[in-house]
Amino acid sequence: MNDFFTLFNVELLHSTIRLSTPITLAAVGATICERAGIVNIAMEGLMLIGAFTAVFFAYITGNPWIGLLAAVIAGGIFSLLHAYATITLHLDHVVSGAVLNILALGLTNYLLILAFGHPGTSEPVPVSLAEYQFAVPFLSQIPVIGPVFFNQRPIVYMSFLLIIFFTLFLYRTKTGLHVRASGEHPLAMETIGVSVYRIRYLAVIISGLTSGLAGAFLSIENSNVFTSGMTGGRGFIALAANISGGWSAVGSFLASLFFGFAEAFQYKMQAARLLDLPSELFVMFPYIATVIAVAGLVRKSRPPKAVGLDFRIEKQAD
């Protein structure tokens, strides 16, 4: 029993923050997207695109920062497909997202063979962002909190800044107000002369940018290779974190911490070998935690009124 409690230490908390980062980034993007009224289940595919792009450009240039930038841009561009399908063509949001997830998986598998000559796993990048881990002066010396939050890797720090930025964006800027209004009462937006289509396009692109960054974390910061399907359902967990977090950036972050803890804890349990159980049972743990969290919290969350509903200017005019 004492061995079990020794698992709960600063190292576990540090891993929780790190492993929750891709979920946090995608969940914050989903928050902006769904606040504007667009359901986005394509984050799994967007993360895959970002993960492959990051590795490819980091590999051919030898510079992981170029890979990171390319991943963010690729996520934004790929998200335009979802925006065009749902906003311009008025297709079902869930169907569009599901199709893009399948497309991203097939496309990255094909590009993996095309770029590296074999399926499964890419060649390792020369330098990963993990080598740029640094401790923030003074703050990293704070007991417990310091090593956990302020001795991290670059994209982890970026996620902290983005949480603050998008919270201020949603509640302290005019554009943020328009985003929220697009998901609550889009007709009122059009009435005052603000294009719902433009705001929704912006929101979907933002979700693509953050998901691309999340993918870069998986492939060139948390590891140094791209592996087929390496997102492992994190895009769907991010969607659950967004819902559990009440469609807010801070709430999404807190929910992501729960899922990150579940993943970090299962790694520690496997490494400690305290229980003689198949490793597959430990791997299931984060997904079981996701189901429990959504089942317990989703009933207490109120989604934006117009999320997932088609909006046509000509239909409203009639």
C-alpha atoms as a PDB file:
ATOM      1  CA  MET A   1       0.000   0.000   0.000  1.00  0.00           C
ATOM      2  CA  ASN A   2       2.870   2.380   0.808  1.00  0.00           C
ATOM      3  CA  ASP A   3       4.330   1.719  -2.638  1.00  0.00           C
ATOM      4  CA  PHE A   4       1.020   2.747  -4.162  1.00  0.00           C
ATOM      5  CA  PHE A   5       0.964   6.117  -2.385  1.00  0.00           C
ATOM      6  CA  THR A   6       4.550   6.854  -3.416  1.00  0.00           C
ATOM      7  CA  LEU A   7       3.229   7.183  -6.985  1.00  0.00           C
ATOM      8  CA  PHE A   8       1.575  10.467  -5.999  1.00  0.00           C
ATOM      9  CA  ASN A   9       4.529  12.822  -6.173  1.00  0.00           C
ATOM     10  CA  VAL A  10       5.815  15.906  -7.990  1.00  0.00           C
ATOM     11  CA  GLU A  11       6.899  13.796 -10.950  1.00  0.00           C
ATOM     12  CA  LEU A  12       3.323  12.575 -11.426  1.00  0.00           C
ATOM     13  CA  LEU A  13       2.001  16.148 -11.325  1.00  0.00           C
ATOM     14  CA  HIS A  14       4.678  17.283 -13.786  1.00  0.00           C
ATOM     15  CA  SER A  15       3.673  14.489 -16.185  1.00  0.00           C
ATOM     16  CA  THR A  16       0.004  15.402 -15.730  1.00  0.00           C
ATOM     17  CA  ILE A  17       0.622  18.945 -16.970  1.00  0.00           C
ATOM     18  CA  ARG A  18       2.735  17.722 -19.888  1.00  0.00           C
ATOM     19  CA  LEU A  19       0.386  14.959 -21.039  1.00  0.00           C
ATOM     20  CA  SER A  20      -2.689  17.171 -20.732  1.00  0.00           C
ATOM     21  CA  THR A  21      -1.194  19.757 -23.118  1.00  0.00           C
ATOM     22  CA  PRO A  22      -2.408  18.360 -26.475  1.00  0.00           C
ATOM     23  CA  ILE A  23      -5.871  17.824 -25.013  1.00  0.00           C
ATOM     24  CA  THR A  24      -5.875  21.358 -23.598  1.00  0.00           C
ATOM     25  CA  LEU A  25      -4.877  22.927 -26.922  1.00  0.00           C
ATOM     26  CA  ALA A  26      -7.482  21.027 -28.924  1.00  0.00           C
ATOM     27  CA  ALA A  27     -10.156  21.574 -26.254  1.00  0.00           C
ATOM     28  CA  VAL A  28      -9.562  25.338 -26.200  1.00  0.00           C
ATOM     29  CA  GLY A  29      -9.883  25.373 -30.000  1.00  0.00           C
ATOM     30  CA  ALA A  30     -13.116  23.404 -29.699  1.00  0.00           C
ATOM     31  CA  THR A  31     -14.379  25.942 -27.173  1.00  0.00           C
ATOM     32  CA  ILE A  32     -13.930  28.826 -29.624  1.00  0.00           C
ATOM     33  CA  CYS A  33     -15.398  26.788 -32.482  1.00  0.00           C
ATOM     34  CA  GLU A  34     -18.498  25.616 -30.636  1.00  0.00           C
ATOM     35  CA  ARG A  35     -19.026  28.989 -28.979  1.00  0.00           C
ATOM     36  CA  ALA A  36     -19.476  30.251 -32.538  1.00  0.00           C
ATOM     37  CA  GLY A  37     -22.023  27.521 -33.267  1.00  0.00           C
ATOM     38  CA  ILE A  38     -19.963  24.921 -35.164  1.00  0.00           C
ATOM     39  CA  VAL A  39     -19.618  21.388 -33.805  1.00  0.00           C
ATOM     40  CA  ASN A  40     -16.082  20.214 -34.429  1.00  0.00           C
ATOM     41  CA  ILE A  41     -15.294  16.515 -34.055  1.00  0.00           C
ATOM     42  CA  ALA A  42     -12.549  16.831 -36.687  1.00  0.00           C
ATOM     43  CA  MET A  43      -9.880  17.687 -34.122  1.00  0.00           C
ATOM     44  CA  GLU A  44      -8.546  14.133 -34.204  1.00  0.00           C
ATOM     45  CA  GLY A  45      -7.814  14.561 -37.899  1.00  0.00           C
ATOM     46  CA  LEU A  46      -6.502  18.104 -37.466  1.00  0.00           C
ATOM     47  CA  MET A  47      -4.064  16.880 -34.821  1.00  0.00           C
ATOM     48  CA  LEU A  48      -2.869  14.089 -37.121  1.00  0.00           C
ATOM     49  CA  ILE A  49      -2.232  16.575 -39.926  1.00  0.00           C
ATOM     50  CA  GLY A  50      -0.323  18.808 -37.530  1.00  0.00           C
ATOM     51  CA  ALA A  51       1.704  15.914 -36.128  1.00  0.00           C
ATOM     52  CA  PHE A  52       2.810  14.681 -39.554  1.00  0.00           C
ATOM     53  CA  THR A  53       3.548  18.161 -40.895  1.00  0.00           C
ATOM     54  CA  ALA A  54       5.660  18.997 -37.844  1.00  0.00           C
ATOM     55  CA  VAL A  55       7.807  15.900 -38.263  1.00  0.00           C
ATOM     56  CA  PHE A  56       8.169  16.290 -42.019  1.00  0.00           C
ATOM     57  CA  PHE A  57       9.371  19.904 -41.913  1.00  0.00           C
ATOM     58  CA  ALA A  58      11.485  19.373 -38.797  1.00  0.00           C
ATOM     59  CA  TYR A  59      13.132  16.402 -40.514  1.00  0.00           C
ATOM     60  CA  ILE A  60      13.928  18.089 -43.833  1.00  0.00           C
ATOM     61  CA  THR A  61      15.074  21.383 -42.268  1.00  0.00           C
ATOM     62  CA  GLY A  62      16.626  20.095 -39.054  1.00  0.00           C
ATOM     63  CA  ASN A  63      14.753  22.845 -37.215  1.00  0.00           C
ATOM     64  CA  PRO A  64      11.843  21.844 -34.925  1.00  0.00           C
ATOM     65  CA  TRP A  65      10.594  25.439 -34.754  1.00  0.00           C
ATOM     66  CA  ILE A  66       9.956  25.404 -38.482  1.00  0.00           C
ATOM     67  CA  GLY A  67       8.127  22.099 -37.988  1.00  0.00           C
ATOM     68  CA  LEU A  68       5.991  23.675 -35.265  1.00  0.00           C
ATOM     69  CA  LEU A  69       5.071  26.659 -37.426  1.00  0.00           C
ATOM     70  CA  ALA A  70       4.272  24.409 -40.391  1.00  0.00           C
ATOM     71  CA  ALA A  71       2.039  22.222 -38.196  1.00  0.00           C
ATOM     72  CA  VAL A  72       0.000  25.225 -37.018  1.00  0.00           C
ATOM     73  CA  ILE A  73      -0.430  26.489 -40.582  1.00  0.00           C
ATOM     74  CA  ALA A  74      -1.369  23.016 -41.869  1.00  0.00           C
ATOM     75  CA  GLY A  75      -3.986  22.627 -39.129  1.00  0.00           C
ATOM     76  CA  GLY A  76      -5.508  25.963 -40.064  1.00  0.00           C
ATOM     77  CA  ILE A  77      -5.606  25.137 -43.772  1.00  0.00           C
ATOM     78  CA  PHE A  78      -7.090  21.669 -43.229  1.00  0.00           C
ATOM     79  CA  SER A  79      -9.766  23.140 -40.960  1.00  0.00           C
ATOM     80  CA  LEU A  80     -10.992  25.211 -43.905  1.00  0.00           C
ATOM     81  CA  LEU A  81     -12.476  22.006 -45.323  1.00  0.00           C
ATOM     82  CA  HIS A  82     -14.675  21.681 -42.239  1.00  0.00           C
ATOM     83  CA  ALA A  83     -15.582  25.378 -42.369  1.00  0.00           C
ATOM     84  CA  TYR A  84     -16.491  25.215 -46.052  1.00  0.00           C
ATOM     85  CA  ALA A  85     -18.538  22.032 -45.603  1.00  0.00           C
ATOM     86  CA  THR A  86     -20.516  23.209 -42.573  1.00  0.00           C
ATOM     87  CA  ILE A  87     -20.832  26.961 -43.155  1.00  0.00           C
ATOM     88  CA  THR A  88     -20.904  27.387 -46.939  1.00  0.00           C
ATOM     89  CA  LEU A  89     -22.329  24.024 -48.046  1.00  0.00           C
ATOM     90  CA  HIS A  90     -24.509  23.673 -44.915  1.00  0.00           C
ATOM     91  CA  LEU A  91     -23.573  20.010 -44.403  1.00  0.00           C
ATOM     92  CA  ASP A  92     -24.133  18.203 -41.127  1.00  0.00           C
ATOM     93  CA  HIS A  93     -21.354  19.165 -38.707  1.00  0.00           C
ATOM     94  CA  VAL A  94     -20.814  15.694 -37.266  1.00  0.00           C
ATOM     95  CA  VAL A  95     -20.742  14.023 -40.670  1.00  0.00           C
ATOM     96  CA  SER A  96     -18.231  16.570 -41.962  1.00  0.00           C
ATOM     97  CA  GLY A  97     -15.985  16.065 -38.941  1.00  0.00           C
ATOM     98  CA  ALA A  98     -16.128  12.284 -39.209  1.00  0.00           C
ATOM     99  CA  VAL A  99     -15.220  12.398 -42.905  1.00  0.00           C
ATOM    100  CA  LEU A 100     -12.264  14.696 -42.225  1.00  0.00           C
ATOM    101  CA  ASN A 101     -10.988  12.364 -39.495  1.00  0.00           C
ATOM    102  CA  ILE A 102     -11.018   9.454 -41.943  1.00  0.00           C
ATOM    103  CA  LEU A 103      -9.436  11.611 -44.641  1.00  0.00           C
ATOM    104  CA  ALA A 104      -6.648  12.778 -42.311  1.00  0.00           C
ATOM    105  CA  LEU A 105      -5.814   9.225 -41.246  1.00  0.00           C
ATOM    106  CA  GLY A 106      -5.624   7.992 -44.824  1.00  0.00           C
ATOM    107  CA  LEU A 107      -3.764  11.067 -46.061  1.00  0.00           C
ATOM    108  CA  THR A 108      -1.088  10.956 -43.348  1.00  0.00           C
ATOM    109  CA  ASN A 109      -0.560   7.218 -43.895  1.00  0.00           C
ATOM    110  CA  TYR A 110      -0.085   7.847 -47.627  1.00  0.00           C
ATOM    111  CA  LEU A 111       2.222  10.825 -47.094  1.00  0.00           C
ATOM    112  CA  LEU A 112       4.227   8.843 -44.547  1.00  0.00           C
ATOM    113  CA  ILE A 113       5.058   6.234 -47.184  1.00  0.00           C
ATOM    114  CA  LEU A 114       5.640   8.909 -49.822  1.00  0.00           C
ATOM    115  CA  ALA A 115       7.990  10.972 -47.644  1.00  0.00           C
ATOM    116  CA  PHE A 116       9.860   8.290 -45.697  1.00  0.00           C
ATOM    117  CA  GLY A 117       9.489   5.230 -47.892  1.00  0.00           C
ATOM    118  CA  HIS A 118       7.766   2.981 -45.360  1.00  0.00           C
ATOM    119  CA  PRO A 119       4.523   2.827 -43.334  1.00  0.00           C
ATOM    120  CA  GLY A 120       4.053   2.866 -39.585  1.00  0.00           C
ATOM    121  CA  THR A 121       6.644   5.288 -38.210  1.00  0.00           C
ATOM    122  CA  SER A 122       8.673   8.129 -39.680  1.00  0.00           C
ATOM    123  CA  GLU A 123      12.389   8.669 -39.329  1.00  0.00           C
ATOM    124  CA  PRO A 124      13.261  10.516 -36.110  1.00  0.00           C
ATOM    125  CA  VAL A 125      13.736  14.261 -36.359  1.00  0.00           C
ATOM    126  CA  PRO A 126      17.306  15.503 -35.758  1.00  0.00           C
ATOM    127  CA  VAL A 127      16.241  17.768 -32.887  1.00  0.00           C
ATOM    128  CA  SER A 128      13.000  17.643 -30.921  1.00  0.00           C
ATOM    129  CA  LEU A 129      11.462  20.445 -28.875  1.00  0.00           C
ATOM    130  CA  ALA A 130      11.962  18.317 -25.755  1.00  0.00           C
ATOM    131  CA  GLU A 131      15.574  19.485 -25.826  1.00  0.00           C
ATOM    132  CA  TYR A 132      14.370  23.047 -25.279  1.00  0.00           C
ATOM    133  CA  GLN A 133      12.833  22.339 -21.859  1.00  0.00           C
ATOM    134  CA  PHE A 134      13.726  25.137 -19.480  1.00  0.00           C
ATOM    135  CA  ALA A 135      12.946  26.310 -15.984  1.00  0.00           C
ATOM    136  CA  VAL A 136      11.529  29.801 -15.489  1.00  0.00           C
ATOM    137  CA  PRO A 137      13.859  31.749 -13.173  1.00  0.00           C
ATOM    138  CA  PHE A 138      12.573  32.246  -9.628  1.00  0.00           C
ATOM    139  CA  LEU A 139       9.126  30.750 -10.366  1.00  0.00           C
ATOM    140  CA  SER A 140      10.565  27.259 -10.823  1.00  0.00           C
ATOM    141  CA  GLN A 141      11.995  27.466  -7.284  1.00  0.00           C
ATOM    142  CA  ILE A 142       8.538  27.613  -5.677  1.00  0.00           C
ATOM    143  CA  PRO A 143       7.962  24.318  -3.810  1.00  0.00           C
ATOM    144  CA  VAL A 144       5.785  21.822  -5.719  1.00  0.00           C
ATOM    145  CA  ILE A 145       4.174  24.429  -7.992  1.00  0.00           C
ATOM    146  CA  GLY A 146       7.511  25.542  -9.421  1.00  0.00           C
ATOM    147  CA  PRO A 147       8.751  22.193 -10.759  1.00  0.00           C
ATOM    148  CA  VAL A 148       5.259  21.236 -11.936  1.00  0.00           C
ATOM    149  CA  PHE A 149       4.295  24.369 -13.891  1.00  0.00           C
ATOM    150  CA  PHE A 150       7.532  26.246 -14.522  1.00  0.00           C
ATOM    151  CA  ASN A 151      10.001  23.560 -15.555  1.00  0.00           C
ATOM    152  CA  GLN A 152       8.307  22.486 -18.755  1.00  0.00           C
ATOM    153  CA  ARG A 153       8.713  22.328 -22.526  1.00  0.00           C
ATOM    154  CA  PRO A 154       7.923  25.131 -25.014  1.00  0.00           C
ATOM    155  CA  ILE A 155       4.464  24.061 -26.199  1.00  0.00           C
ATOM    156  CA  VAL A 156       3.370  23.520 -22.587  1.00  0.00           C
ATOM    157  CA  TYR A 157       4.178  27.155 -21.842  1.00  0.00           C
ATOM    158  CA  MET A 158       2.377  28.172 -25.039  1.00  0.00           C
ATOM    159  CA  SER A 159      -0.739  26.354 -23.828  1.00  0.00           C
ATOM    160  CA  PHE A 160      -0.719  28.404 -20.589  1.00  0.00           C
ATOM    161  CA  LEU A 161      -0.530  31.635 -22.585  1.00  0.00           C
ATOM    162  CA  LEU A 162      -3.275  30.543 -24.976  1.00  0.00           C
ATOM    163  CA  ILE A 163      -5.633  29.755 -22.100  1.00  0.00           C
ATOM    164  CA  ILE A 164      -5.209  33.311 -20.806  1.00  0.00           C
ATOM    165  CA  PHE A 165      -5.393  34.811 -24.298  1.00  0.00           C
ATOM    166  CA  PHE A 166      -8.590  33.034 -25.343  1.00  0.00           C
ATOM    167  CA  THR A 167     -10.293  33.743 -22.015  1.00  0.00           C
ATOM    168  CA  LEU A 168      -9.629  37.449 -22.513  1.00  0.00           C
ATOM    169  CA  PHE A 169     -10.531  37.136 -26.194  1.00  0.00           C
ATOM    170  CA  LEU A 170     -13.962  35.664 -25.486  1.00  0.00           C
ATOM    171  CA  TYR A 171     -14.978  37.981 -22.665  1.00  0.00           C
ATOM    172  CA  ARG A 172     -12.991  41.191 -23.157  1.00  0.00           C
ATOM    173  CA  THR A 173     -13.030  41.851 -26.924  1.00  0.00           C
ATOM    174  CA  LYS A 174     -15.685  42.803 -29.437  1.00  0.00           C
ATOM    175  CA  THR A 175     -14.739  39.900 -31.716  1.00  0.00           C
ATOM    176  CA  GLY A 176     -15.065  37.524 -28.776  1.00  0.00           C
ATOM    177  CA  LEU A 177     -18.547  38.886 -28.115  1.00  0.00           C
ATOM    178  CA  HIS A 178     -19.401  38.254 -31.766  1.00  0.00           C
ATOM    179  CA  VAL A 179     -18.126  34.679 -31.463  1.00  0.00           C
ATOM    180  CA  ARG A 180     -20.368  34.018 -28.479  1.00  0.00           C
ATOM    181  CA  ALA A 181     -23.322  35.722 -30.127  1.00  0.00           C
ATOM    182  CA  SER A 182     -22.872  33.574 -33.254  1.00  0.00           C
ATOM    183  CA  GLY A 183     -23.396  30.495 -31.140  1.00  0.00           C
ATOM    184  CA  GLU A 184     -26.284  31.910 -29.125  1.00  0.00           C
ATOM    185  CA  HIS A 185     -28.325  34.051 -31.514  1.00  0.00           C
ATOM    186  CA  PRO A 186     -26.846  34.216 -35.031  1.00  0.00           C
ATOM    187  CA  LEU A 187     -29.850  36.069 -36.472  1.00  0.00           C
ATOM    188  CA  ALA A 188     -29.229  38.941 -34.064  1.00  0.00           C
ATOM    189  CA  MET A 189     -25.650  39.070 -35.342  1.00  0.00           C
ATOM    190  CA  GLU A 190     -26.795  39.477 -38.925  1.00  0.00           C
ATOM    191  CA  THR A 191     -29.356  42.064 -37.848  1.00  0.00           C
ATOM    192  CA  ILE A 192     -26.636  44.367 -36.523  1.00  0.00           C
ATOM    193  CA  GLY A 193     -24.583  43.898 -39.681  1.00  0.00           C
ATOM    194  CA  VAL A 194     -21.952  41.379 -38.499  1.00  0.00           C
ATOM    195  CA  SER A 195     -21.453  38.375 -40.778  1.00  0.00           C
ATOM    196  CA  VAL A 196     -22.123  35.096 -38.990  1.00  0.00           C
ATOM    197  CA  TYR A 197     -20.348  33.262 -41.794  1.00  0.00           C
ATOM    198  CA  ARG A 198     -17.166  35.310 -41.316  1.00  0.00           C
ATOM    199  CA  ILE A 199     -17.136  34.839 -37.533  1.00  0.00           C
ATOM    200  CA  ARG A 200     -17.736  31.109 -37.848  1.00  0.00           C
ATOM    201  CA  TYR A 201     -14.972  30.739 -40.426  1.00  0.00           C
ATOM    202  CA  LEU A 202     -12.624  32.531 -38.028  1.00  0.00           C
ATOM    203  CA  ALA A 203     -13.612  30.253 -35.143  1.00  0.00           C
ATOM    204  CA  VAL A 204     -13.104  27.047 -37.143  1.00  0.00           C
ATOM    205  CA  ILE A 205      -9.698  28.240 -38.350  1.00  0.00           C
ATOM    206  CA  ILE A 206      -8.676  29.006 -34.762  1.00  0.00           C
ATOM    207  CA  SER A 207      -9.609  25.451 -33.765  1.00  0.00           C
ATOM    208  CA  GLY A 208      -7.469  24.211 -36.659  1.00  0.00           C
ATOM    209  CA  LEU A 209      -4.477  26.288 -35.546  1.00  0.00           C
ATOM    210  CA  THR A 210      -4.622  25.060 -31.941  1.00  0.00           C
ATOM    211  CA  SER A 211      -5.187  21.453 -33.037  1.00  0.00           C
ATOM    212  CA  GLY A 212      -2.191  21.691 -35.374  1.00  0.00           C
ATOM    213  CA  LEU A 213      -0.133  22.909 -32.421  1.00  0.00           C
ATOM    214  CA  ALA A 214      -1.436  19.980 -30.355  1.00  0.00           C
ATOM    215  CA  GLY A 215      -0.321  17.593 -33.102  1.00  0.00           C
ATOM    216  CA  ALA A 216       3.141  19.170 -33.138  1.00  0.00           C
ATOM    217  CA  PHE A 217       3.379  18.515 -29.406  1.00  0.00           C
ATOM    218  CA  LEU A 218       2.735  14.813 -29.932  1.00  0.00           C
ATOM    219  CA  SER A 219       5.289  14.313 -32.695  1.00  0.00           C
ATOM    220  CA  ILE A 220       8.179  16.709 -32.063  1.00  0.00           C
ATOM    221  CA  GLU A 221       7.932  17.590 -28.369  1.00  0.00           C
ATOM    222  CA  ASN A 222       6.563  14.571 -26.538  1.00  0.00           C
ATOM    223  CA  SER A 223       8.452  12.292 -28.963  1.00  0.00           C
ATOM    224  CA  ASN A 224      10.620  12.722 -32.062  1.00  0.00           C
ATOM    225  CA  VAL A 225       8.725  10.670 -34.658  1.00  0.00           C
ATOM    226  CA  PHE A 226       5.338  10.503 -36.324  1.00  0.00           C
ATOM    227  CA  THR A 227       3.444   7.242 -35.896  1.00  0.00           C
ATOM    228  CA  SER A 228       0.315   6.331 -37.843  1.00  0.00           C
ATOM    229  CA  GLY A 229      -2.759   7.204 -35.776  1.00  0.00           C
ATOM    230  CA  MET A 230      -0.592   8.558 -32.966  1.00  0.00           C
ATOM    231  CA  THR A 231      -3.332  10.871 -31.669  1.00  0.00           C
ATOM    232  CA  GLY A 232      -4.969   7.819 -30.098  1.00  0.00           C
ATOM    233  CA  GLY A 233      -8.376   9.407 -29.596  1.00  0.00           C
ATOM    234  CA  ARG A 234      -7.075  12.588 -27.953  1.00  0.00           C
ATOM    235  CA  GLY A 235      -9.152  14.711 -30.320  1.00  0.00           C
ATOM    236  CA  PHE A 236     -12.323  13.088 -29.008  1.00  0.00           C
ATOM    237  CA  ILE A 237     -11.090  13.393 -25.420  1.00  0.00           C
ATOM    238  CA  ALA A 238     -10.524  17.106 -26.110  1.00  0.00           C
ATOM    239  CA  LEU A 239     -14.137  17.392 -27.238  1.00  0.00           C
ATOM    240  CA  ALA A 240     -15.188  15.748 -23.973  1.00  0.00           C
ATOM    241  CA  ALA A 241     -12.943  18.160 -22.040  1.00  0.00           C
ATOM    242  CA  ASN A 242     -14.589  21.108 -23.769  1.00  0.00           C
ATOM    243  CA  ILE A 243     -18.058  19.853 -22.839  1.00  0.00           C
ATOM    244  CA  SER A 244     -17.026  18.913 -19.287  1.00  0.00           C
ATOM    245  CA  GLY A 245     -15.379  22.317 -18.915  1.00  0.00           C
ATOM    246  CA  GLY A 246     -18.591  24.136 -19.746  1.00  0.00           C
ATOM    247  CA  TRP A 247     -17.432  25.581 -23.082  1.00  0.00           C
ATOM    248  CA  SER A 248     -14.828  27.846 -21.464  1.00  0.00           C
ATOM    249  CA  ALA A 249     -11.055  27.995 -21.932  1.00  0.00           C
ATOM    250  CA  VAL A 250     -10.275  27.688 -18.216  1.00  0.00           C
ATOM    251  CA  GLY A 251     -12.865  24.940 -17.733  1.00  0.00           C
ATOM    252  CA  SER A 252     -11.443  23.043 -20.707  1.00  0.00           C
ATOM    253  CA  PHE A 253      -7.969  23.307 -19.175  1.00  0.00           C
ATOM    254  CA  LEU A 254      -9.138  21.967 -15.817  1.00  0.00           C
ATOM    255  CA  ALA A 255     -10.980  19.085 -17.472  1.00  0.00           C
ATOM    256  CA  SER A 256      -7.903  18.342 -19.585  1.00  0.00           C
ATOM    257  CA  LEU A 257      -5.843  18.114 -16.405  1.00  0.00           C
ATOM    258  CA  PHE A 258      -8.127  15.328 -15.233  1.00  0.00           C
ATOM    259  CA  PHE A 259      -7.568  13.368 -18.431  1.00  0.00           C
ATOM    260  CA  GLY A 260      -3.845  14.128 -18.343  1.00  0.00           C
ATOM    261  CA  PHE A 261      -3.687  12.811 -14.790  1.00  0.00           C
ATOM    262  CA  ALA A 262      -5.433   9.609 -15.848  1.00  0.00           C
ATOM    263  CA  GLU A 263      -2.856   9.060 -18.595  1.00  0.00           C
ATOM    264  CA  ALA A 264       0.115   9.924 -16.395  1.00  0.00           C
ATOM    265  CA  PHE A 265      -1.152   7.682 -13.616  1.00  0.00           C
ATOM    266  CA  GLN A 266      -1.562   4.676 -15.909  1.00  0.00           C
ATOM    267  CA  TYR A 267       2.053   5.106 -17.080  1.00  0.00           C
ATOM    268  CA  LYS A 268       3.244   5.193 -13.476  1.00  0.00           C
ATOM    269  CA  MET A 269       1.199   2.128 -12.586  1.00  0.00           C
ATOM    270  CA  GLN A 270       2.643   0.185 -15.505  1.00  0.00           C
ATOM    271  CA  ALA A 271       6.199   1.211 -14.614  1.00  0.00           C
ATOM    272  CA  ALA A 272       5.782   0.367 -10.915  1.00  0.00           C
ATOM    273  CA  ARG A 273       4.208  -3.052 -11.645  1.00  0.00           C
ATOM    274  CA  LEU A 274       2.281  -2.922  -8.379  1.00  0.00           C
ATOM    275  CA  LEU A 275      -0.595  -4.974  -9.746  1.00  0.00           C
ATOM    276  CA  ASP A 276      -0.212  -8.131 -11.768  1.00  0.00           C
ATOM    277  CA  LEU A 277      -2.645  -7.057 -14.467  1.00  0.00           C
ATOM    278  CA  PRO A 278      -2.407  -6.970 -18.270  1.00  0.00           C
ATOM    279  CA  SER A 279      -1.016  -3.673 -19.577  1.00  0.00           C
ATOM    280  CA  GLU A 280      -4.100  -3.284 -21.788  1.00  0.00           C
ATOM    281  CA  LEU A 281      -6.182  -2.621 -18.686  1.00  0.00           C
ATOM    282  CA  PHE A 282      -3.972   0.320 -17.753  1.00  0.00           C
ATOM    283  CA  VAL A 283      -4.131   1.712 -21.289  1.00  0.00           C
ATOM    284  CA  MET A 284      -7.942   1.759 -21.006  1.00  0.00           C
ATOM    285  CA  PHE A 285      -7.805   3.899 -17.871  1.00  0.00           C
ATOM    286  CA  PRO A 286      -7.792   7.391 -19.519  1.00  0.00           C
ATOM    287  CA  TYR A 287     -10.705   6.442 -21.764  1.00  0.00           C
ATOM    288  CA  ILE A 288     -12.724   5.065 -18.863  1.00  0.00           C
ATOM    289  CA  ALA A 289     -12.016   8.316 -17.025  1.00  0.00           C
ATOM    290  CA  THR A 290     -13.314  10.223 -20.048  1.00  0.00           C
ATOM    291  CA  VAL A 291     -16.616   8.345 -20.008  1.00  0.00           C
ATOM    292  CA  ILE A 292     -17.030   8.886 -16.266  1.00  0.00           C
ATOM    293  CA  ALA A 293     -16.264  12.605 -16.518  1.00  0.00           C
ATOM    294  CA  VAL A 294     -18.628  13.224 -19.394  1.00  0.00           C
ATOM    295  CA  ALA A 295     -21.399  11.182 -17.771  1.00  0.00           C
ATOM    296  CA  GLY A 296     -21.008  13.115 -14.533  1.00  0.00           C
ATOM    297  CA  LEU A 297     -20.557  16.651 -15.843  1.00  0.00           C
ATOM    298  CA  VAL A 298     -22.291  16.913 -19.203  1.00  0.00           C
ATOM    299  CA  ARG A 299     -25.724  17.232 -17.621  1.00  0.00           C
ATOM    300  CA  LYS A 300     -24.528  20.297 -15.692  1.00  0.00           C
ATOM    301  CA  SER A 301     -23.202  22.056 -18.790  1.00  0.00           C
ATOM    302  CA  ARG A 302     -25.322  24.198 -21.077  1.00  0.00           C
ATOM    303  CA  PRO A 303     -24.124  24.286 -24.674  1.00  0.00           C
ATOM    304  CA  PRO A 304     -24.515  27.394 -26.851  1.00  0.00           C
ATOM    305  CA  LYS A 305     -28.114  27.515 -28.078  1.00  0.00           C
ATOM    306  CA  ALA A 306     -27.283  27.523 -31.800  1.00  0.00           C
ATOM    307  CA  VAL A 307     -24.374  25.054 -31.757  1.00  0.00           C
ATOM    308  CA  GLY A 308     -24.766  22.487 -34.518  1.00  0.00           C
ATOM    309  CA  LEU A 309     -27.731  24.279 -36.067  1.00  0.00           C
ATOM    310  CA  ASP A 310     -27.550  25.268 -39.719  1.00  0.00           C
ATOM    311  CA  PHE A 311     -27.752  28.984 -40.438  1.00  0.00           C
ATOM    312  CA  ARG A 312     -28.759  30.320 -43.851  1.00  0.00           C
ATOM    313  CA  ILE A 313     -29.059  34.031 -44.459  1.00  0.00           C
ATOM    314  CA  GLU A 314     -31.590  33.546 -47.243  1.00  0.00           C
ATOM    315  CA  LYS A 315     -33.690  31.232 -45.060  1.00  0.00           C
ATOM    316  CA  GLN A 316     -33.725  33.745 -42.230  1.00  0.00           C
ATOM    317  CA  ALA A 317     -34.780  36.472 -44.643  1.00  0.00           C
ATOM    318  CA  ASP A 318     -37.783  34.435 -45.725  1.00  0.00           C
END
